[in-house]
C-alpha atoms as a PDB file:
ATOM      1  CA  MET A   1     107.561 149.778  27.893  1.00  0.00           C
ATOM      2  CA  THR A   2     109.426 150.384  24.686  1.00  0.00           C
ATOM      3  CA  THR A   3     113.256 149.310  24.264  1.00  0.00           C
ATOM      4  CA  ASP A   4     115.236 149.325  21.237  1.00  0.00           C
ATOM      5  CA  THR A   5     116.484 146.200  21.902  1.00  0.00           C
ATOM      6  CA  PRO A   6     113.889 143.027  20.953  1.00  0.00           C
ATOM      7  CA  VAL A   7     114.215 140.715  23.858  1.00  0.00           C
ATOM      8  CA  THR A   8     115.035 136.729  22.814  1.00  0.00           C
ATOM      9  CA  ASN A   9     112.120 135.211  23.752  1.00  0.00           C
ATOM     10  CA  LEU A  10     112.535 131.329  22.233  1.00  0.00           C
ATOM     11  CA  PHE A  11     110.728 128.044  22.290  1.00  0.00           C
ATOM     12  CA  SER A  12     113.193 125.961  23.972  1.00  0.00           C
ATOM     13  CA  HIS A  13     112.856 121.994  24.673  1.00  0.00           C
ATOM     14  CA  VAL A  14     116.009 119.987  25.645  1.00  0.00           C
ATOM     15  CA  LYS A  15     115.232 115.794  25.742  1.00  0.00           C
ATOM     16  CA  ALA A  16     117.140 114.606  28.828  1.00  0.00           C
ATOM     17  CA  SER A  17     119.520 112.463  26.279  1.00  0.00           C
ATOM     18  CA  GLN A  18     120.279 115.686  24.880  1.00  0.00           C
ATOM     19  CA  ALA A  19     121.584 117.440  28.074  1.00  0.00           C
ATOM     20  CA  GLU A  20     124.934 115.735  29.822  1.00  0.00           C
ATOM     21  CA  TRP A  21     126.290 115.883  33.297  1.00  0.00           C
ATOM     22  CA  LYS A  22     129.643 118.551  32.767  1.00  0.00           C
ATOM     23  CA  SER A  23     132.111 119.849  35.495  1.00  0.00           C
ATOM     24  CA  GLY A  24     133.509 123.640  34.811  1.00  0.00           C
ATOM     25  CA  GLY A  25     130.641 125.053  36.571  1.00  0.00           C
ATOM     26  CA  LEU A  26     130.716 127.441  39.295  1.00  0.00           C
ATOM     27  CA  ARG A  27     131.757 124.900  41.945  1.00  0.00           C
ATOM     28  CA  ASP A  28     134.450 122.139  40.878  1.00  0.00           C
ATOM     29  CA  PHE A  29     132.647 119.174  43.118  1.00  0.00           C
ATOM     30  CA  PHE A  30     129.397 119.756  41.364  1.00  0.00           C
ATOM     31  CA  LEU A  31     128.354 118.598  38.014  1.00  0.00           C
ATOM     32  CA  TYR A  32     125.235 120.658  35.973  1.00  0.00           C
ATOM     33  CA  LYS A  33     123.382 119.908  33.163  1.00  0.00           C
ATOM     34  CA  ASP A  34     122.617 122.941  31.357  1.00  0.00           C
ATOM     35  CA  LEU A  35     118.498 123.046  30.382  1.00  0.00           C
ATOM     36  CA  GLY A  36     118.770 125.526  27.068  1.00  0.00           C
ATOM     37  CA  ILE A  37     117.267 128.311  29.351  1.00  0.00           C
ATOM     38  CA  LYS A  38     120.285 131.161  29.075  1.00  0.00           C
ATOM     39  CA  ASP A  39     119.566 130.398  25.218  1.00  0.00           C
ATOM     40  CA  ALA A  40     116.207 130.811  25.057  1.00  0.00           C
ATOM     41  CA  THR A  41     116.094 134.014  26.535  1.00  0.00           C
ATOM     42  CA  GLY A  42     118.818 136.133  25.126  1.00  0.00           C
ATOM     43  CA  GLY A  43     120.832 135.706  29.000  1.00  0.00           C
ATOM     44  CA  ARG A  44     117.961 136.810  31.149  1.00  0.00           C
ATOM     45  CA  VAL A  45     117.250 134.095  33.024  1.00  0.00           C
ATOM     46  CA  ILE A  46     119.356 130.306  33.493  1.00  0.00           C
ATOM     47  CA  ALA A  47     118.188 127.010  34.501  1.00  0.00           C
ATOM     48  CA  HIS A  48     120.244 124.005  35.284  1.00  0.00           C
ATOM     49  CA  LEU A  49     120.213 120.790  37.445  1.00  0.00           C
ATOM     50  CA  VAL A  50     123.182 120.850  39.285  1.00  0.00           C
ATOM     51  CA  LYS A  51     124.496 117.486  41.583  1.00  0.00           C
ATOM     52  CA  ALA A  52     126.940 116.127  43.921  1.00  0.00           C
ATOM     53  CA  ASN A  53     130.220 115.057  42.271  1.00  0.00           C
ATOM     54  CA  GLU A  54     132.490 114.969  45.662  1.00  0.00           C
ATOM     55  CA  ALA A  55     132.086 115.133  49.273  1.00  0.00           C
ATOM     56  CA  PRO A  56     131.648 118.366  50.783  1.00  0.00           C
ATOM     57  CA  GLU A  57     134.735 118.576  52.269  1.00  0.00           C
ATOM     58  CA  ARG A  58     134.634 122.704  52.205  1.00  0.00           C
ATOM     59  CA  GLY A  59     131.397 123.439  51.020  1.00  0.00           C
ATOM     60  CA  THR A  60     130.950 126.472  48.842  1.00  0.00           C
ATOM     61  CA  GLY A  61     132.522 128.700  51.221  1.00  0.00           C
ATOM     62  CA  TRP A  62     130.405 132.868  52.652  1.00  0.00           C
ATOM     63  CA  HIS A  63     128.786 134.400  49.015  1.00  0.00           C
ATOM     64  CA  ARG A  64     126.571 136.103  47.586  1.00  0.00           C
ATOM     65  CA  HIS A  65     125.422 136.455  44.248  1.00  0.00           C
ATOM     66  CA  VAL A  66     125.037 139.200  42.391  1.00  0.00           C
ATOM     67  CA  ALA A  67     121.231 138.102  40.544  1.00  0.00           C
ATOM     68  CA  GLU A  68     117.840 139.761  40.611  1.00  0.00           C
ATOM     69  CA  PHE A  69     116.742 136.619  41.016  1.00  0.00           C
ATOM     70  CA  GLN A  70     117.509 132.715  42.102  1.00  0.00           C
ATOM     71  CA  ILE A  71     115.921 129.632  43.126  1.00  0.00           C
ATOM     72  CA  VAL A  72     116.988 126.153  44.224  1.00  0.00           C
ATOM     73  CA  LEU A  73     114.448 123.122  43.930  1.00  0.00           C
ATOM     74  CA  MET A  74     115.997 120.403  45.431  1.00  0.00           C
ATOM     75  CA  LEU A  75     115.268 117.479  43.156  1.00  0.00           C
ATOM     76  CA  LYS A  76     117.023 114.605  45.176  1.00  0.00           C
ATOM     77  CA  GLY A  77     118.681 114.250  48.470  1.00  0.00           C
ATOM     78  CA  TRP A  78     118.681 116.598  51.314  1.00  0.00           C
ATOM     79  CA  ALA A  79     121.628 119.941  51.300  1.00  0.00           C
ATOM     80  CA  ARG A  80     122.400 122.149  54.422  1.00  0.00           C
ATOM     81  CA  PHE A  81     122.977 125.685  54.057  1.00  0.00           C
ATOM     82  CA  MET A  82     123.821 128.619  56.435  1.00  0.00           C
ATOM     83  CA  TYR A  83     121.640 131.557  55.668  1.00  0.00           C
ATOM     84  CA  GLU A  84     122.922 134.274  57.413  1.00  0.00           C
ATOM     85  CA  ASP A  85     123.058 133.193  61.027  1.00  0.00           C
ATOM     86  CA  LYS A  86     120.986 130.836  60.373  1.00  0.00           C
ATOM     87  CA  ASP A  87     121.026 127.002  59.391  1.00  0.00           C
ATOM     88  CA  THR A  88     118.995 125.470  56.974  1.00  0.00           C
ATOM     89  CA  PHE A  89     117.715 122.085  55.717  1.00  0.00           C
ATOM     90  CA  VAL A  90     116.506 121.338  52.558  1.00  0.00           C
ATOM     91  CA  GLU A  91     115.357 117.592  51.011  1.00  0.00           C
ATOM     92  CA  ALA A  92     113.394 116.993  48.280  1.00  0.00           C
ATOM     93  CA  GLY A  93     110.561 118.863  47.295  1.00  0.00           C
ATOM     94  CA  ASP A  94     111.349 121.709  49.014  1.00  0.00           C
ATOM     95  CA  CYS A  95     111.847 125.424  47.036  1.00  0.00           C
ATOM     96  CA  VAL A  96     113.905 127.888  48.596  1.00  0.00           C
ATOM     97  CA  HIS A  97     114.395 131.436  47.381  1.00  0.00           C
ATOM     98  CA  GLN A  98     117.302 133.184  47.801  1.00  0.00           C
ATOM     99  CA  ARG A  99     116.605 136.549  47.947  1.00  0.00           C
ATOM    100  CA  PRO A 100     119.140 139.138  46.441  1.00  0.00           C
ATOM    101  CA  GLY A 101     122.317 139.609  47.898  1.00  0.00           C
ATOM    102  CA  ILE A 102     121.825 137.273  51.222  1.00  0.00           C
ATOM    103  CA  VAL A 103     124.529 135.675  52.557  1.00  0.00           C
ATOM    104  CA  HIS A 104     124.483 131.400  52.287  1.00  0.00           C
ATOM    105  CA  PHE A 105     126.931 128.607  52.434  1.00  0.00           C
ATOM    106  CA  LEU A 106     126.388 125.946  51.334  1.00  0.00           C
ATOM    107  CA  TYR A 107     127.709 123.256  53.516  1.00  0.00           C
ATOM    108  CA  ASP A 108     126.969 119.604  53.514  1.00  0.00           C
ATOM    109  CA  TYR A 109     124.738 117.658  51.533  1.00  0.00           C
ATOM    110  CA  SER A 110     124.073 114.365  49.998  1.00  0.00           C
ATOM    111  CA  PRO A 111     125.599 111.752  47.676  1.00  0.00           C
ATOM    112  CA  ASP A 112     122.316 111.931  45.926  1.00  0.00           C
ATOM    113  CA  MET A 113     121.698 115.441  46.190  1.00  0.00           C
ATOM    114  CA  GLU A 114     120.393 116.848  42.850  1.00  0.00           C
ATOM    115  CA  TYR A 115     118.743 120.380  42.605  1.00  0.00           C
ATOM    116  CA  LEU A 116     117.084 122.532  40.020  1.00  0.00           C
ATOM    117  CA  GLU A 117     118.363 126.203  39.801  1.00  0.00           C
ATOM    118  CA  ILE A 118     117.317 128.933  38.019  1.00  0.00           C
ATOM    119  CA  VAL A 119     119.147 132.812  37.926  1.00  0.00           C
ATOM    120  CA  GLY A 120     118.482 136.123  36.746  1.00  0.00           C
ATOM    121  CA  PRO A 121     120.467 137.185  34.966  1.00  0.00           C
ATOM    122  CA  ALA A 122     122.532 134.312  33.596  1.00  0.00           C
ATOM    123  CA  ASP A 123     125.374 135.813  33.576  1.00  0.00           C
ATOM    124  CA  PHE A 124     125.068 136.145  37.830  1.00  0.00           C
ATOM    125  CA  GLY A 125     128.182 137.097  39.316  1.00  0.00           C
ATOM    126  CA  THR A 126     129.239 135.693  42.890  1.00  0.00           C
ATOM    127  CA  VAL A 127     131.139 137.597  45.672  1.00  0.00           C
ATOM    128  CA  ASP A 128     132.922 136.497  48.259  1.00  0.00           C
ATOM    129  CA  MET A 129     131.808 137.646  52.132  1.00  0.00           C
ATOM    130  CA  PRO A 130     133.527 137.275  55.575  1.00  0.00           C
ATOM    131  CA  ALA A 131     131.957 134.607  57.594  1.00  0.00           C
ATOM    132  CA  PRO A 132     128.331 136.114  59.613  1.00  0.00           C
ATOM    133  CA  ALA A 133     128.261 132.983  61.672  1.00  0.00           C
ATOM    134  CA  GLU A 134     129.721 129.235  62.682  1.00  0.00           C
ATOM    135  CA  VAL A 135     128.961 126.932  59.950  1.00  0.00           C
ATOM    136  CA  PRO A 136     128.683 123.269  61.278  1.00  0.00           C
ATOM    137  CA  ASP A 137     131.364 120.511  60.095  1.00  0.00           C
ATOM    138  CA  PRO A 138     130.056 118.578  57.274  1.00  0.00           C
ATOM    139  CA  THR A 139     128.341 114.994  57.606  1.00  0.00           C
ATOM    140  CA  PRO A 140     131.469 112.514  55.913  1.00  0.00           C
ATOM    141  CA  TRP A 141     130.152 110.164  52.924  1.00  0.00           C
ATOM    142  CA  PRO A 142     130.124 107.079  53.373  1.00  0.00           C
ATOM    143  CA  THR A 143     133.140 104.986  52.105  1.00  0.00           C
ATOM    144  CA  ALA A 144     130.702 102.731  49.182  1.00  0.00           C
ATOM    145  CA  ALA A 145     129.573 106.904  48.325  1.00  0.00           C
ATOM    146  CA  LYS A 146     132.931 108.118  47.318  1.00  0.00           C
ATOM    147  CA  ALA A 147     133.531 105.538  45.642  1.00  0.00           C
ATOM    148  CA  ALA A 148     129.666 105.293  43.617  1.00  0.00           C
END
């Protein structure tokens, strides 16, 4: 394979103390920690940590991503997704490969939910989609969890 454009493929090491949790990602009720992979790969891939910041009152809504590759590795807690018409419980240690274009809805998660998400390309798109199925109600967080 030949290409006129050089491929960026740099060594990257982001120490936990260097990466900060930030808002302003795809969802305002989550916090994100960039792991430096977007810059290291010239935008071919993004890897970030995502964690719960607010209770799941409305969830993500039905959507799909314009991406070639996406995995979610649950590190802490749990989350409930609808993948098309299938309710899927994902807990710490589970890995989900979200095939390109799959319509999904993250509708419930624990207060300690944290996952690693890896997506290619880094600047993937998100498209709102009509609901293919009914979505269960989320589990209310305890009052103590909301204040934490």
